[in-house]
N, C-alpha and C. Protein backbone atom coordinates (compact mmCIF):
# COMPACT_ATOMS: atom_id res chain seq x y z
N MET A 1 166.36 85.62 34.06
CA MET A 1 166.16 85.88 32.67
C MET A 1 164.68 85.92 32.30
N ILE A 2 163.91 85.01 32.83
CA ILE A 2 162.49 84.97 32.50
C ILE A 2 161.76 86.15 33.12
N ARG A 3 162.11 86.52 34.32
CA ARG A 3 161.42 87.60 35.00
C ARG A 3 161.47 88.92 34.24
N PRO A 4 162.63 89.40 33.78
CA PRO A 4 162.63 90.66 33.00
C PRO A 4 161.78 90.57 31.75
N ALA A 5 161.80 89.42 31.08
CA ALA A 5 160.98 89.27 29.88
C ALA A 5 159.51 89.33 30.23
N LEU A 6 159.13 88.70 31.33
CA LEU A 6 157.74 88.72 31.78
C LEU A 6 157.30 90.13 32.14
N VAL A 7 158.14 90.86 32.84
CA VAL A 7 157.84 92.24 33.21
C VAL A 7 157.67 93.09 31.95
N ALA A 8 158.54 92.92 30.98
CA ALA A 8 158.45 93.69 29.75
C ALA A 8 157.17 93.36 28.98
N THR A 9 156.79 92.10 28.96
CA THR A 9 155.57 91.69 28.27
C THR A 9 154.35 92.28 28.94
N VAL A 10 154.29 92.19 30.26
CA VAL A 10 153.15 92.74 31.00
C VAL A 10 153.08 94.24 30.81
N ALA A 11 154.21 94.92 30.86
CA ALA A 11 154.22 96.38 30.67
C ALA A 11 153.72 96.75 29.28
N ALA A 12 154.13 95.99 28.28
CA ALA A 12 153.67 96.28 26.91
C ALA A 12 152.18 96.08 26.79
N LEU A 13 151.65 95.03 27.41
CA LEU A 13 150.21 94.79 27.36
C LEU A 13 149.43 95.88 28.07
N LEU A 14 149.94 96.34 29.19
CA LEU A 14 149.24 97.35 29.97
C LEU A 14 149.27 98.72 29.31
N THR A 15 150.27 98.99 28.51
CA THR A 15 150.38 100.32 27.91
C THR A 15 149.82 100.36 26.50
N GLY A 16 149.23 99.31 26.06
CA GLY A 16 148.64 99.32 24.72
C GLY A 16 149.71 99.23 23.67
N CYS A 17 149.74 100.18 22.78
CA CYS A 17 150.68 100.12 21.67
C CYS A 17 151.86 101.06 21.90
N SER A 18 152.26 101.19 23.12
CA SER A 18 153.30 102.13 23.49
C SER A 18 154.47 102.12 22.52
N GLY A 19 154.73 103.28 21.94
CA GLY A 19 155.84 103.43 21.04
C GLY A 19 155.60 102.94 19.63
N GLN A 20 154.43 102.47 19.35
CA GLN A 20 154.10 101.96 18.03
C GLN A 20 153.05 102.85 17.39
N PRO A 21 153.02 102.86 16.06
CA PRO A 21 151.96 103.62 15.40
C PRO A 21 150.59 103.03 15.74
N CYS A 22 149.60 103.85 15.81
CA CYS A 22 148.26 103.38 16.15
C CYS A 22 147.32 103.64 14.98
N ASP A 23 147.28 102.70 14.10
CA ASP A 23 146.47 102.84 12.89
C ASP A 23 144.98 102.94 13.19
N ASP A 24 144.54 102.34 14.28
CA ASP A 24 143.11 102.33 14.61
C ASP A 24 142.67 103.51 15.46
N LEU A 25 143.58 104.37 15.83
CA LEU A 25 143.25 105.44 16.77
C LEU A 25 142.15 106.36 16.23
N ALA A 26 142.23 106.76 14.99
CA ALA A 26 141.22 107.67 14.43
C ALA A 26 139.84 107.03 14.46
N ALA A 27 139.77 105.76 14.14
CA ALA A 27 138.48 105.05 14.16
C ALA A 27 137.95 104.97 15.58
N LEU A 28 138.81 104.72 16.55
CA LEU A 28 138.38 104.65 17.94
C LEU A 28 137.92 106.00 18.45
N GLN A 29 138.59 107.06 18.03
CA GLN A 29 138.17 108.40 18.42
C GLN A 29 136.80 108.73 17.84
N ALA A 30 136.57 108.33 16.60
CA ALA A 30 135.26 108.55 15.97
C ALA A 30 134.18 107.74 16.70
N GLU A 31 134.52 106.51 17.06
CA GLU A 31 133.56 105.69 17.80
C GLU A 31 133.26 106.30 19.15
N ARG A 32 134.27 106.88 19.79
CA ARG A 32 134.06 107.53 21.09
C ARG A 32 133.07 108.68 20.95
N GLU A 33 133.20 109.47 19.89
CA GLU A 33 132.26 110.58 19.67
C GLU A 33 130.85 110.06 19.41
N GLN A 34 130.75 108.98 18.66
CA GLN A 34 129.45 108.38 18.39
C GLN A 34 128.82 107.87 19.68
N ARG A 35 129.61 107.21 20.50
CA ARG A 35 129.08 106.70 21.78
C ARG A 35 128.65 107.84 22.69
N ARG A 36 129.40 108.93 22.68
CA ARG A 36 129.01 110.09 23.49
C ARG A 36 127.66 110.64 23.03
N ALA A 37 127.48 110.74 21.72
CA ALA A 37 126.21 111.24 21.17
C ALA A 37 125.07 110.31 21.51
N GLU A 38 125.30 109.01 21.43
CA GLU A 38 124.26 108.04 21.78
C GLU A 38 123.89 108.14 23.25
N GLN A 39 124.88 108.33 24.09
CA GLN A 39 124.63 108.47 25.52
C GLN A 39 123.80 109.73 25.78
N GLN A 40 124.13 110.81 25.11
CA GLN A 40 123.38 112.05 25.29
C GLN A 40 121.93 111.88 24.84
N ARG A 41 121.73 111.19 23.72
CA ARG A 41 120.36 110.93 23.24
C ARG A 41 119.59 110.09 24.25
N LEU A 42 120.25 109.10 24.82
CA LEU A 42 119.61 108.24 25.81
C LEU A 42 119.11 109.07 26.99
N VAL A 43 119.94 110.00 27.42
CA VAL A 43 119.57 110.87 28.55
C VAL A 43 118.46 111.84 28.13
N ASP A 44 118.61 112.44 26.96
CA ASP A 44 117.65 113.44 26.49
C ASP A 44 116.27 112.85 26.23
N GLU A 45 116.23 111.66 25.67
CA GLU A 45 114.95 111.05 25.32
C GLU A 45 114.19 110.50 26.53
N ARG A 46 114.89 110.27 27.61
CA ARG A 46 114.27 109.79 28.86
C ARG A 46 113.46 108.51 28.65
N THR A 47 113.95 107.63 27.79
CA THR A 47 113.26 106.36 27.53
C THR A 47 113.89 105.21 28.31
N ALA A 48 115.00 105.47 28.98
CA ALA A 48 115.70 104.44 29.74
C ALA A 48 115.55 104.71 31.23
N THR A 49 115.68 103.64 32.01
CA THR A 49 115.63 103.80 33.46
C THR A 49 116.94 104.41 33.95
N ASP A 50 116.94 104.88 35.17
CA ASP A 50 118.17 105.43 35.75
C ASP A 50 119.28 104.37 35.78
N ASP A 51 118.91 103.12 36.10
CA ASP A 51 119.90 102.05 36.13
C ASP A 51 120.48 101.78 34.74
N GLU A 52 119.65 101.82 33.71
CA GLU A 52 120.13 101.62 32.35
C GLU A 52 121.06 102.75 31.92
N ILE A 53 120.69 103.96 32.29
CA ILE A 53 121.54 105.11 31.96
C ILE A 53 122.86 105.02 32.69
N ALA A 54 122.83 104.64 33.96
CA ALA A 54 124.07 104.50 34.74
C ALA A 54 124.97 103.42 34.15
N ALA A 55 124.40 102.30 33.75
CA ALA A 55 125.19 101.22 33.16
C ALA A 55 125.79 101.66 31.82
N ALA A 56 125.00 102.36 31.00
CA ALA A 56 125.51 102.86 29.72
C ALA A 56 126.61 103.89 29.96
N ASP A 57 126.45 104.71 30.98
CA ASP A 57 127.45 105.71 31.32
C ASP A 57 128.75 105.03 31.74
N ASP A 58 128.65 103.98 32.54
CA ASP A 58 129.84 103.24 32.96
C ASP A 58 130.57 102.64 31.75
N ARG A 59 129.81 102.08 30.81
CA ARG A 59 130.43 101.51 29.60
C ARG A 59 131.11 102.60 28.78
N LEU A 60 130.45 103.75 28.66
CA LEU A 60 131.03 104.86 27.91
C LEU A 60 132.34 105.31 28.56
N HIS A 61 132.34 105.49 29.86
CA HIS A 61 133.54 105.96 30.55
C HIS A 61 134.68 104.94 30.44
N ALA A 62 134.37 103.67 30.49
CA ALA A 62 135.40 102.64 30.33
C ALA A 62 136.01 102.72 28.93
N PHE A 63 135.16 102.91 27.92
CA PHE A 63 135.65 103.03 26.55
C PHE A 63 136.49 104.30 26.40
N GLU A 64 136.02 105.39 26.98
CA GLU A 64 136.76 106.65 26.91
C GLU A 64 138.14 106.50 27.55
N ARG A 65 138.22 105.80 28.67
CA ARG A 65 139.51 105.58 29.33
C ARG A 65 140.46 104.79 28.43
N ARG A 66 139.94 103.74 27.78
CA ARG A 66 140.78 102.94 26.89
C ARG A 66 141.30 103.79 25.73
N VAL A 67 140.45 104.60 25.15
CA VAL A 67 140.88 105.44 24.03
C VAL A 67 141.89 106.47 24.51
N PHE A 68 141.65 107.08 25.66
CA PHE A 68 142.58 108.07 26.20
C PHE A 68 143.94 107.44 26.46
N GLU A 69 143.95 106.26 27.06
CA GLU A 69 145.22 105.58 27.33
C GLU A 69 145.95 105.27 26.04
N LEU A 70 145.22 104.88 25.03
CA LEU A 70 145.83 104.61 23.74
C LEU A 70 146.38 105.90 23.13
N GLU A 71 145.63 106.98 23.25
CA GLU A 71 146.10 108.28 22.74
C GLU A 71 147.41 108.67 23.42
N GLN A 72 147.51 108.41 24.71
CA GLN A 72 148.70 108.82 25.46
C GLN A 72 149.91 107.93 25.19
N SER A 73 149.66 106.67 24.83
CA SER A 73 150.77 105.73 24.69
C SER A 73 151.24 105.53 23.26
N CYS A 74 150.48 105.96 22.30
CA CYS A 74 150.85 105.70 20.90
C CYS A 74 151.87 106.68 20.38
N ASP A 75 152.66 106.18 19.48
CA ASP A 75 153.65 107.00 18.79
C ASP A 75 152.94 107.66 17.61
N ARG A 76 152.79 108.96 17.69
CA ARG A 76 152.09 109.69 16.63
C ARG A 76 153.06 110.30 15.62
N GLY A 77 154.33 110.05 15.80
CA GLY A 77 155.31 110.65 14.91
C GLY A 77 155.57 109.76 13.78
């Protein structure tokens, strides 16, 4: 009995808001665009080291993955 409940809980946590409305999705999408623009400015201005740019790029990609996963799992209907 406990095992199925645990599996369901873990699955729900891993899929984000699967099957539920995602009220914050639009704000997260806007933040993603802002982060992309900031990353581009960082690269264009050449004021950061390669390591700083790589670290910022990794953070951006991690955020993009989270937003994408949320986009895929949310109920938009």
